Amino acid sequence: MKSLKKIMIAIVVLLSANAVQAQIKNVKTQKAKIYGNCGMCKKTIEKAANLENVVSVNWNKDSKIAVLTYDAKATNQEEILKRIAAVGYDSEKIKATDAAYQSLHTCCQYDRK
């Protein structure tokens, strides 16, 4: 009986945590091509772009396409792509500086156009 009670409490806590989690408001979703090579690129791109409750980016290493979901009142596609370029990754719209690109791990240095 005690274990059932503990399970029920755990379920309530988990459900409460999900309900409290805020979602992105004023949602706009766009796609952008971002150059990179591997899983390490994915982590770096997404970490640079994601802002809790404001921006969520999911980059696909095979297609090189990122889905940008963001609060259109808080930011825009250009600002997100600038943050990604700052860590060394070119997109179709914004090019990273040579210094930022050179700072990437060698496996992450894609062929630049």
Protein backbone atom coordinates (compact mmCIF):
# COMPACT_ATOMS: atom_id res chain seq x y z
CA MET A 1 0.00 0.00 0.00
CA LYS A 2 2.85 2.38 0.84
CA SER A 3 4.53 1.70 -2.49
CA LEU A 4 1.29 2.47 -4.35
CA LYS A 5 1.03 5.74 -2.47
CA LYS A 6 4.63 6.62 -3.40
CA ILE A 7 3.93 5.82 -7.06
CA MET A 8 0.84 8.02 -7.04
CA ILE A 9 2.78 10.89 -5.48
CA ALA A 10 5.53 10.50 -8.10
CA ILE A 11 2.95 10.61 -10.91
CA VAL A 12 1.35 13.75 -9.50
CA VAL A 13 4.74 15.45 -9.18
CA LEU A 14 5.71 14.56 -12.76
CA LEU A 15 2.40 15.76 -14.17
CA SER A 16 2.64 18.98 -12.19
CA ALA A 17 6.14 19.66 -13.50
CA ASN A 18 4.93 19.29 -17.09
CA ALA A 19 1.98 21.61 -16.48
CA VAL A 20 4.24 24.30 -14.98
CA GLN A 21 6.68 24.23 -17.89
CA ALA A 22 6.03 27.32 -19.99
CA GLN A 23 5.72 27.04 -23.73
CA ILE A 24 6.93 29.38 -26.46
CA LYS A 25 4.35 32.11 -27.06
CA ASN A 26 3.64 33.94 -30.34
CA VAL A 27 5.02 30.91 -32.19
CA LYS A 28 6.58 31.25 -35.61
CA THR A 29 8.27 28.31 -37.34
CA GLN A 30 10.73 28.61 -40.20
CA LYS A 31 13.35 26.42 -41.82
CA ALA A 32 16.93 27.40 -42.57
CA LYS A 33 19.87 25.61 -44.16
CA ILE A 34 22.83 25.53 -41.78
CA TYR A 35 26.09 23.90 -42.78
CA GLY A 36 27.73 21.32 -40.54
CA ASN A 37 28.77 17.67 -40.53
CA CYS A 38 28.12 15.63 -37.44
CA GLY A 39 26.43 15.05 -34.10
CA MET A 40 28.86 17.45 -32.42
CA CYS A 41 27.72 20.12 -34.90
CA LYS A 42 24.10 19.39 -33.99
CA LYS A 43 24.80 19.89 -30.28
CA THR A 44 26.72 23.11 -30.85
CA ILE A 45 24.18 24.60 -33.28
CA GLU A 46 21.21 23.78 -31.06
CA LYS A 47 22.95 24.96 -27.88
CA ALA A 48 23.86 28.30 -29.48
CA ALA A 49 20.35 28.87 -30.78
CA ASN A 50 18.04 27.54 -28.10
CA LEU A 51 16.69 29.94 -25.49
CA GLU A 52 14.26 28.53 -22.93
CA ASN A 53 10.67 29.59 -23.64
CA VAL A 54 11.85 31.74 -26.58
CA VAL A 55 13.65 29.62 -29.20
CA SER A 56 13.78 25.93 -30.01
CA VAL A 57 15.97 24.73 -32.88
CA ASN A 58 16.24 21.21 -34.21
CA TRP A 59 19.00 20.68 -36.81
CA ASN A 60 19.15 17.62 -39.08
CA LYS A 61 22.74 16.67 -39.97
CA ASP A 62 21.73 14.78 -43.12
CA SER A 63 19.57 17.45 -44.76
CA LYS A 64 21.42 20.40 -43.10
CA ILE A 65 17.97 21.89 -42.43
CA ALA A 66 17.12 23.43 -39.07
CA VAL A 67 13.57 23.95 -37.92
CA LEU A 68 13.46 27.21 -35.98
CA THR A 69 10.51 27.62 -33.64
CA TYR A 70 10.50 30.91 -31.79
CA ASP A 71 8.52 33.68 -30.11
CA ALA A 72 8.11 36.19 -32.94
CA LYS A 73 7.67 39.05 -30.45
CA ALA A 74 10.95 38.26 -28.68
CA THR A 75 13.32 37.43 -31.57
CA ASN A 76 13.52 36.67 -35.28
CA GLN A 77 15.21 34.30 -37.71
CA GLU A 78 18.12 36.67 -38.35
CA GLU A 79 18.99 36.95 -34.64
CA ILE A 80 18.90 33.16 -34.25
CA LEU A 81 21.14 32.66 -37.29
CA LYS A 82 23.57 35.30 -35.95
CA ARG A 83 23.96 33.29 -32.72
CA ILE A 84 24.63 30.16 -34.76
CA ALA A 85 27.16 32.00 -36.95
CA ALA A 86 28.91 33.30 -33.81
CA VAL A 87 29.87 29.70 -32.95
CA GLY A 88 31.18 29.01 -36.48
CA TYR A 89 28.31 27.76 -38.63
CA ASP A 90 27.26 29.35 -41.93
CA SER A 91 23.64 29.47 -42.99
CA GLU A 92 22.20 30.49 -46.34
CA LYS A 93 21.61 33.98 -44.94
CA ILE A 94 24.48 34.65 -42.51
CA LYS A 95 28.12 33.62 -42.79
CA ALA A 96 30.27 32.91 -39.73
CA THR A 97 33.50 34.83 -39.35
CA ASP A 98 36.64 33.03 -40.47
CA ALA A 99 37.87 33.04 -36.86
CA ALA A 100 34.67 31.42 -35.59
CA TYR A 101 34.79 28.81 -38.36
CA GLN A 102 38.47 28.05 -37.65
CA SER A 103 37.65 27.50 -33.97
CA LEU A 104 35.40 24.54 -34.85
CA HIS A 105 36.70 21.05 -34.20
CA THR A 106 38.29 19.66 -37.40
CA CYS A 107 35.48 17.14 -37.91
CA CYS A 108 32.99 20.04 -37.83
CA GLN A 109 34.75 22.11 -40.48
CA TYR A 110 32.47 21.68 -43.48
CA ASP A 111 33.33 22.75 -47.03
CA ARG A 112 32.56 26.46 -47.17
CA LYS A 113 30.97 27.96 -50.24
